[in-house]
N, C-alpha and C. Protein backbone atom coordinates (compact mmCIF):
# COMPACT_ATOMS: atom_id res chain seq x y z
N MET A 1 11.93 4.59 13.57
CA MET A 1 10.92 3.76 13.08
C MET A 1 11.25 2.23 12.45
N SER A 2 12.43 2.26 12.03
CA SER A 2 13.55 0.50 12.02
C SER A 2 12.17 -0.27 12.89
N GLY A 3 11.86 -1.03 11.55
CA GLY A 3 11.78 -2.44 11.99
C GLY A 3 10.27 -2.27 12.19
N ASN A 4 9.68 -1.57 12.82
CA ASN A 4 8.20 -1.77 13.88
C ASN A 4 7.22 -0.86 12.71
N ARG A 5 7.47 -0.26 11.40
CA ARG A 5 6.38 0.15 11.02
C ARG A 5 6.53 0.23 9.61
N THR A 6 5.33 0.16 8.97
CA THR A 6 5.78 -0.18 7.37
C THR A 6 4.71 0.88 6.54
N PHE A 7 4.46 1.02 5.47
CA PHE A 7 3.43 1.85 4.80
C PHE A 7 2.92 0.95 3.64
N THR A 8 1.57 1.39 3.80
CA THR A 8 0.60 0.96 2.66
C THR A 8 -0.25 1.88 2.04
N MET A 9 -0.82 1.19 0.99
CA MET A 9 -1.87 1.77 0.35
C MET A 9 -2.55 1.04 -0.40
N ILE A 10 -3.68 1.70 0.06
CA ILE A 10 -5.21 0.75 -0.38
C ILE A 10 -5.61 1.33 -1.90
N LYS A 11 -5.53 0.71 -3.23
CA LYS A 11 -5.01 1.11 -4.27
C LYS A 11 -6.54 1.30 -4.92
N PRO A 12 -6.59 2.42 -6.10
CA PRO A 12 -7.80 2.97 -6.40
C PRO A 12 -9.06 1.58 -6.84
N GLU A 13 -8.65 1.01 -7.65
CA GLU A 13 -10.00 0.05 -7.53
C GLU A 13 -10.64 -0.65 -6.21
N ALA A 14 -9.49 -1.10 -5.14
CA ALA A 14 -10.16 -1.49 -4.06
C ALA A 14 -11.08 -0.57 -3.40
N VAL A 15 -10.31 0.80 -3.28
CA VAL A 15 -11.20 1.85 -2.74
C VAL A 15 -13.01 1.56 -3.31
N GLU A 16 -12.55 2.28 -4.93
CA GLU A 16 -13.73 1.94 -5.57
C GLU A 16 -14.50 1.00 -5.42
N ASN A 17 -14.17 -0.30 -5.42
CA ASN A 17 -15.23 -1.60 -4.98
C ASN A 17 -15.43 -1.75 -3.83
N GLY A 18 -15.50 -0.68 -2.53
CA GLY A 18 -15.56 -0.92 -1.19
C GLY A 18 -15.09 -1.65 -0.54
N HIS A 19 -13.95 -1.94 -0.32
CA HIS A 19 -12.76 -3.08 -0.29
C HIS A 19 -12.39 -2.04 1.23
N THR A 20 -12.19 -1.20 0.98
CA THR A 20 -11.12 -0.72 2.36
C THR A 20 -11.69 -0.96 3.77
N GLY A 21 -13.05 -1.23 4.21
CA GLY A 21 -12.85 -1.41 5.54
C GLY A 21 -12.79 -2.52 5.64
N ALA A 22 -12.90 -3.78 4.96
CA ALA A 22 -12.16 -5.11 4.76
C ALA A 22 -11.19 -5.22 5.07
N ILE A 23 -10.20 -4.49 3.94
CA ILE A 23 -8.59 -4.42 4.35
C ILE A 23 -8.35 -4.32 5.17
N LEU A 24 -8.47 -2.76 5.97
CA LEU A 24 -8.54 -2.25 6.99
C LEU A 24 -8.65 -3.43 8.49
N ALA A 25 -9.81 -4.09 8.16
CA ALA A 25 -9.77 -5.19 8.85
C ALA A 25 -8.87 -6.22 8.88
N LYS A 26 -8.50 -6.71 7.98
CA LYS A 26 -7.84 -7.92 7.78
C LYS A 26 -6.24 -7.09 8.49
N MET A 27 -6.08 -6.09 8.32
CA MET A 27 -4.51 -5.67 9.18
C MET A 27 -4.72 -5.66 10.00
N GLN A 28 -5.09 -5.03 10.66
CA GLN A 28 -5.57 -5.21 11.98
C GLN A 28 -5.84 -6.73 13.03
N SER A 29 -6.51 -7.15 11.99
CA SER A 29 -6.60 -8.53 13.12
C SER A 29 -5.18 -9.09 12.39
N GLY A 30 -4.65 -8.76 11.47
CA GLY A 30 -3.21 -9.17 11.13
C GLY A 30 -2.31 -8.93 12.59
N GLY A 31 -2.50 -8.33 13.55
CA GLY A 31 -1.61 -7.58 14.47
C GLY A 31 -0.53 -5.93 14.31
N PHE A 32 -1.41 -5.43 13.12
CA PHE A 32 -0.71 -4.63 12.91
C PHE A 32 -1.56 -2.99 13.49
N ARG A 33 -1.00 -2.17 14.10
CA ARG A 33 -1.84 -0.96 14.68
C ARG A 33 -1.81 0.37 13.71
N ILE A 34 -2.80 0.88 13.33
CA ILE A 34 -2.71 2.21 12.10
C ILE A 34 -2.27 3.42 13.17
N VAL A 35 -1.28 4.10 12.20
CA VAL A 35 -0.51 5.07 13.29
C VAL A 35 -1.01 5.85 12.79
N ALA A 36 -1.33 5.96 11.76
CA ALA A 36 -1.87 7.26 10.09
C ALA A 36 -2.43 6.81 9.47
N LEU A 37 -3.36 7.36 9.18
CA LEU A 37 -4.57 7.10 8.09
C LEU A 37 -5.03 8.11 7.38
N LYS A 38 -5.09 8.10 5.82
CA LYS A 38 -5.58 9.25 5.35
C LYS A 38 -6.42 8.51 3.98
N LYS A 39 -7.77 9.28 3.25
CA LYS A 39 -8.07 9.24 1.97
C LYS A 39 -7.82 10.08 1.12
N THR A 40 -6.88 10.29 0.27
CA THR A 40 -6.59 11.19 -0.65
C THR A 40 -6.26 10.88 -2.21
N GLN A 41 -6.02 11.62 -3.29
CA GLN A 41 -5.95 11.52 -4.98
C GLN A 41 -5.10 11.56 -4.94
N LEU A 42 -3.77 10.82 -5.83
CA LEU A 42 -2.53 11.48 -6.28
C LEU A 42 -2.70 12.41 -7.18
N SER A 43 -2.52 13.05 -7.59
CA SER A 43 -2.35 13.87 -9.02
C SER A 43 -1.39 13.05 -9.84
N LYS A 44 -1.13 13.30 -11.30
CA LYS A 44 -0.18 12.13 -12.08
C LYS A 44 1.35 12.56 -11.84
N GLU A 45 1.23 14.04 -11.17
CA GLU A 45 2.95 14.43 -10.66
C GLU A 45 3.35 14.04 -9.59
N ARG A 46 2.37 13.43 -8.97
CA ARG A 46 2.50 12.84 -7.21
C ARG A 46 2.84 11.29 -7.71
N ALA A 47 2.40 10.57 -8.24
CA ALA A 47 2.50 9.62 -8.42
C ALA A 47 3.46 9.28 -9.19
N GLY A 48 3.78 10.13 -10.14
CA GLY A 48 4.93 9.54 -10.54
C GLY A 48 6.22 10.21 -9.87
N ILE A 49 6.20 11.15 -8.97
CA ILE A 49 7.27 11.05 -7.84
C ILE A 49 7.04 9.75 -6.98
N PHE A 50 6.39 9.48 -6.65
CA PHE A 50 6.16 8.35 -5.75
C PHE A 50 7.04 7.12 -5.94
N TYR A 51 6.34 7.08 -7.47
CA TYR A 51 6.77 5.79 -8.29
C TYR A 51 8.02 5.65 -9.81
N GLU A 52 9.07 6.77 -9.00
CA GLU A 52 9.67 7.57 -9.73
C GLU A 52 11.33 6.50 -9.71
N VAL A 53 11.19 5.54 -9.01
CA VAL A 53 12.25 4.52 -9.34
C VAL A 53 11.92 3.23 -9.86
N HIS A 54 10.49 3.27 -10.72
CA HIS A 54 10.28 2.86 -11.73
C HIS A 54 10.28 3.71 -12.98
N LYS A 55 10.70 4.39 -12.92
CA LYS A 55 10.48 5.25 -14.22
C LYS A 55 10.81 4.58 -15.63
N GLU A 56 11.86 3.61 -15.69
CA GLU A 56 12.64 3.22 -16.93
C GLU A 56 11.95 2.42 -16.81
N ARG A 57 11.00 1.87 -16.56
CA ARG A 57 10.38 0.40 -16.82
C ARG A 57 9.44 0.72 -17.79
N PRO A 58 8.81 -0.31 -18.52
CA PRO A 58 7.80 -0.08 -19.72
C PRO A 58 6.45 0.33 -19.05
N PHE A 59 6.11 -0.11 -18.02
CA PHE A 59 4.79 -0.35 -17.20
C PHE A 59 4.69 1.37 -16.49
N TYR A 60 6.06 2.16 -16.19
CA TYR A 60 5.78 3.21 -15.71
C TYR A 60 4.41 4.35 -15.95
N GLY A 61 4.13 4.64 -17.14
CA GLY A 61 3.02 5.61 -17.84
C GLY A 61 2.26 5.11 -17.00
N GLU A 62 1.85 3.77 -16.95
CA GLU A 62 0.75 2.90 -17.00
C GLU A 62 0.02 2.95 -15.35
N LEU A 63 1.04 3.21 -14.87
CA LEU A 63 1.09 2.76 -13.25
C LEU A 63 0.53 3.74 -12.63
N VAL A 64 1.25 5.36 -13.28
CA VAL A 64 1.36 6.56 -13.08
C VAL A 64 -0.41 6.82 -13.37
N ASP A 65 -0.84 6.87 -14.55
CA ASP A 65 -2.07 6.96 -14.75
C ASP A 65 -3.03 6.14 -13.99
N TYR A 66 -2.76 4.46 -13.64
CA TYR A 66 -3.66 4.13 -12.36
C TYR A 66 -3.69 4.58 -11.45
N MET A 67 -2.82 5.13 -10.71
CA MET A 67 -2.58 5.10 -9.21
C MET A 67 -3.35 6.85 -8.88
N SER A 68 -3.63 7.39 -10.00
CA SER A 68 -3.89 8.69 -10.22
C SER A 68 -5.54 8.78 -10.43
N SER A 69 -6.17 7.67 -10.83
CA SER A 69 -7.24 7.67 -11.15
C SER A 69 -8.90 7.86 -10.76
N GLY A 70 -8.29 7.57 -8.99
CA GLY A 70 -9.10 7.38 -8.09
C GLY A 70 -8.77 7.50 -6.36
N PRO A 71 -9.40 7.80 -5.60
CA PRO A 71 -9.23 8.08 -4.08
C PRO A 71 -8.30 6.87 -3.99
N ILE A 72 -7.27 6.96 -3.31
CA ILE A 72 -6.56 5.67 -2.38
C ILE A 72 -6.62 6.01 -1.11
N ILE A 73 -5.93 5.03 -0.01
CA ILE A 73 -6.54 5.01 1.31
C ILE A 73 -4.90 4.93 1.42
N ALA A 74 -4.08 5.75 2.13
CA ALA A 74 -2.60 5.81 2.34
C ALA A 74 -2.31 5.65 4.07
N ALA A 75 -2.18 4.41 4.35
CA ALA A 75 -1.56 4.19 6.53
C ALA A 75 0.09 3.62 6.45
N LEU A 76 -0.05 4.12 7.47
CA LEU A 76 0.90 4.11 8.66
C LEU A 76 0.86 2.93 9.26
N LEU A 77 1.18 1.51 9.52
CA LEU A 77 1.14 0.63 10.45
C LEU A 77 2.23 0.41 11.09
N GLU A 78 1.99 -0.32 12.28
CA GLU A 78 3.22 -0.51 13.17
C GLU A 78 2.79 -2.36 14.02
N LYS A 79 3.64 -2.73 14.26
CA LYS A 79 4.08 -4.37 14.70
C LYS A 79 5.56 -4.39 14.48
N GLU A 80 5.92 -5.20 15.57
CA GLU A 80 7.09 -5.58 15.68
C GLU A 80 7.53 -6.66 14.09
N ASN A 81 8.17 -6.01 13.76
CA ASN A 81 8.62 -6.95 11.91
C ASN A 81 8.03 -6.58 11.33
N ALA A 82 7.43 -4.99 11.53
CA ALA A 82 6.62 -4.69 10.38
C ALA A 82 6.55 -4.62 8.65
N VAL A 83 7.66 -4.65 7.93
CA VAL A 83 7.57 -4.84 6.95
C VAL A 83 7.50 -6.23 6.32
N ALA A 84 8.44 -6.71 7.09
CA ALA A 84 8.28 -8.42 6.35
C ALA A 84 7.18 -9.29 6.64
N ASP A 85 6.32 -8.95 8.13
CA ASP A 85 5.10 -9.25 8.12
C ASP A 85 3.96 -9.07 7.60
N PHE A 86 4.12 -7.54 6.88
CA PHE A 86 2.99 -7.16 5.95
C PHE A 86 2.80 -7.64 4.45
N ARG A 87 4.07 -8.00 4.25
CA ARG A 87 4.20 -8.62 2.97
C ARG A 87 3.67 -10.08 2.81
N VAL A 88 4.03 -10.58 4.33
CA VAL A 88 3.33 -11.90 3.96
C VAL A 88 1.93 -11.86 3.52
N LEU A 89 1.39 -10.94 4.83
CA LEU A 89 -0.07 -10.32 4.73
C LEU A 89 -0.65 -9.83 3.78
N ILE A 90 0.06 -9.32 2.98
CA ILE A 90 -0.23 -8.73 1.23
C ILE A 90 -0.23 -10.06 0.07
N GLY A 91 0.26 -11.10 0.28
CA GLY A 91 0.49 -11.67 -0.77
C GLY A 91 1.06 -11.33 -1.85
N ALA A 92 1.21 -12.23 -2.52
CA ALA A 92 2.15 -12.39 -3.73
C ALA A 92 1.97 -11.06 -5.08
N THR A 93 2.59 -10.16 -5.57
CA THR A 93 2.30 -9.35 -6.61
C THR A 93 1.23 -9.58 -7.03
N ASP A 94 1.18 -10.99 -7.80
CA ASP A 94 0.27 -11.64 -8.72
C ASP A 94 -1.05 -12.46 -7.95
N PRO A 95 -2.43 -11.95 -7.58
CA PRO A 95 -3.11 -12.67 -7.25
C PRO A 95 -3.16 -13.93 -7.25
N ALA A 96 -2.75 -14.53 -8.30
CA ALA A 96 -2.65 -15.87 -8.83
C ALA A 96 -1.99 -16.72 -8.23
N ASP A 97 -0.84 -16.25 -7.53
CA ASP A 97 0.14 -16.93 -7.12
C ASP A 97 0.18 -16.39 -5.47
N ALA A 98 -0.70 -15.60 -5.22
CA ALA A 98 -1.06 -15.53 -3.52
C ALA A 98 -1.45 -16.49 -2.98
N ALA A 99 -1.04 -16.56 -1.76
CA ALA A 99 -1.54 -18.01 -0.73
C ALA A 99 -3.02 -17.60 -0.25
N GLU A 100 -3.49 -18.43 0.27
CA GLU A 100 -4.92 -18.38 0.65
C GLU A 100 -4.85 -17.46 1.36
N GLY A 101 -6.11 -16.58 1.97
CA GLY A 101 -6.05 -15.67 3.15
C GLY A 101 -5.38 -14.43 3.38
N THR A 102 -4.73 -14.09 1.89
CA THR A 102 -4.11 -12.83 1.90
C THR A 102 -5.11 -12.03 1.28
N ILE A 103 -4.49 -10.60 1.53
CA ILE A 103 -4.97 -9.71 0.99
C ILE A 103 -5.53 -9.56 -0.68
N ARG A 104 -4.05 -9.86 -1.09
CA ARG A 104 -4.51 -9.77 -2.71
C ARG A 104 -5.07 -11.22 -3.24
N LYS A 105 -4.95 -12.07 -2.58
CA LYS A 105 -5.55 -13.46 -3.18
C LYS A 105 -7.16 -12.72 -2.90
N GLU A 106 -7.97 -12.25 -1.79
CA GLU A 106 -9.03 -12.53 -1.31
C GLU A 106 -9.45 -10.78 -2.35
N PHE A 107 -8.98 -9.80 -2.41
CA PHE A 107 -9.26 -8.41 -3.04
C PHE A 107 -8.59 -7.81 -4.55
N ALA A 108 -7.85 -8.19 -5.13
CA ALA A 108 -6.76 -8.16 -6.16
C ALA A 108 -7.80 -8.48 -7.38
N GLU A 109 -7.80 -7.59 -8.08
CA GLU A 109 -8.00 -8.02 -9.66
C GLU A 109 -7.32 -8.60 -10.66
N SER A 110 -6.14 -8.25 -10.42
CA SER A 110 -4.66 -8.76 -11.65
C SER A 110 -3.85 -8.32 -10.79
N LYS A 111 -2.71 -8.76 -11.51
CA LYS A 111 -0.89 -8.70 -11.09
C LYS A 111 -1.04 -6.59 -10.95
N ALA A 112 -1.56 -6.24 -11.91
CA ALA A 112 -1.46 -5.16 -12.30
C ALA A 112 -2.32 -3.95 -11.26
N LYS A 113 -3.49 -4.26 -10.98
CA LYS A 113 -4.55 -4.01 -9.86
C LYS A 113 -4.53 -4.81 -8.87
N ASN A 114 -3.35 -4.84 -8.45
CA ASN A 114 -3.80 -5.82 -6.70
C ASN A 114 -3.77 -5.34 -5.75
N ALA A 115 -4.67 -4.51 -5.34
CA ALA A 115 -5.28 -3.78 -4.35
C ALA A 115 -4.98 -2.99 -3.22
N VAL A 116 -3.67 -3.66 -3.16
CA VAL A 116 -2.78 -2.71 -1.95
C VAL A 116 -1.17 -2.10 -2.44
N HIS A 117 -0.46 -1.55 -2.11
CA HIS A 117 0.68 -1.22 -2.16
C HIS A 117 1.36 -1.66 -0.78
N GLY A 118 2.78 -2.39 -0.53
CA GLY A 118 3.53 -2.57 0.61
C GLY A 118 4.88 -2.61 0.17
N SER A 119 5.24 -1.50 1.58
CA SER A 119 6.90 -1.16 1.19
C SER A 119 8.03 -2.33 1.65
N ASP A 120 8.67 -2.46 0.63
CA ASP A 120 9.64 -3.78 0.71
C ASP A 120 10.76 -3.32 1.39
N SER A 121 11.33 -2.19 1.93
CA SER A 121 11.84 -2.39 3.22
C SER A 121 11.91 -1.32 4.33
N ASP A 122 12.70 -1.31 5.44
CA ASP A 122 12.62 -0.39 6.14
C ASP A 122 12.67 0.92 5.64
N GLU A 123 13.27 1.22 4.73
CA GLU A 123 14.01 2.41 4.31
C GLU A 123 12.73 2.95 3.90
N ASN A 124 12.74 2.10 3.05
CA ASN A 124 11.40 2.86 1.70
C ASN A 124 10.19 3.00 2.98
N ALA A 125 9.52 2.06 3.81
CA ALA A 125 8.67 2.61 4.69
C ALA A 125 8.84 4.19 5.00
N ALA A 126 10.09 4.58 5.38
CA ALA A 126 10.40 5.44 6.08
C ALA A 126 9.81 6.68 5.00
N ILE A 127 10.63 6.33 3.99
CA ILE A 127 10.57 7.24 2.68
C ILE A 127 9.16 7.49 2.33
N GLU A 128 8.29 6.46 2.22
CA GLU A 128 7.05 6.38 1.85
C GLU A 128 6.13 7.18 2.81
N ALA A 129 6.28 6.70 4.25
CA ALA A 129 5.55 7.19 5.02
C ALA A 129 5.52 8.92 5.03
N ASN A 130 6.60 9.41 5.17
CA ASN A 130 7.25 10.86 4.80
C ASN A 130 6.41 11.31 3.63
N PHE A 131 6.55 10.69 2.60
CA PHE A 131 5.92 11.55 1.40
C PHE A 131 4.35 11.48 1.92
N PHE A 132 3.64 10.90 2.55
CA PHE A 132 2.23 11.01 2.72
C PHE A 132 1.57 11.78 4.13
N PHE A 133 2.77 11.41 4.86
CA PHE A 133 2.51 11.92 6.70
C PHE A 133 3.24 12.94 7.07
N ALA A 134 2.64 14.07 7.84
CA ALA A 134 3.71 14.54 8.61
C ALA A 134 4.25 13.82 10.08
N GLU A 135 4.89 14.35 10.81
CA GLU A 135 5.10 13.73 11.76
C GLU A 135 3.65 13.98 13.03
N ASN A 136 2.98 15.21 12.42
CA ASN A 136 1.58 15.74 13.76
C ASN A 136 0.88 14.92 13.43
N GLU A 137 0.74 14.08 11.97
CA GLU A 137 -0.18 13.43 11.65
C GLU A 137 -0.48 11.59 12.31
N ARG A 138 0.97 11.21 12.38
CA ARG A 138 1.45 9.99 13.17
C ARG A 138 0.61 9.99 14.66
N PHE A 139 -0.12 8.85 14.98
CA PHE A 139 -0.37 8.70 16.33
C PHE A 139 -0.27 7.30 17.18
């Protein structure tokens, strides 16, 4: 998977606000192929496990509550240089700092409710993809 795949989630507020189709369209028009896709809702326990890397940070509890507050769309995307290219497509974490035309500039509500998650490394992309998708769910 190294270099060619990345993981993303469309976060609860973006799903609730009806942005799923437009966000997926931006991903596809950005050259990404959808390898796996599912709508699901994280329990607080599963959200806590997914974001365990942030456990010692002051925002951890709020992040777990937020990410378990409603359905999300989990996706595995494929493209050459996927992780780096996807980070460019989604834009800065804070939508106020995100470049025009990026997903977060267009769809994020705030730094905390920033519409999408994107893996930050090839290693994390693999870990995150395995958290959500079995091998037989990838096409």
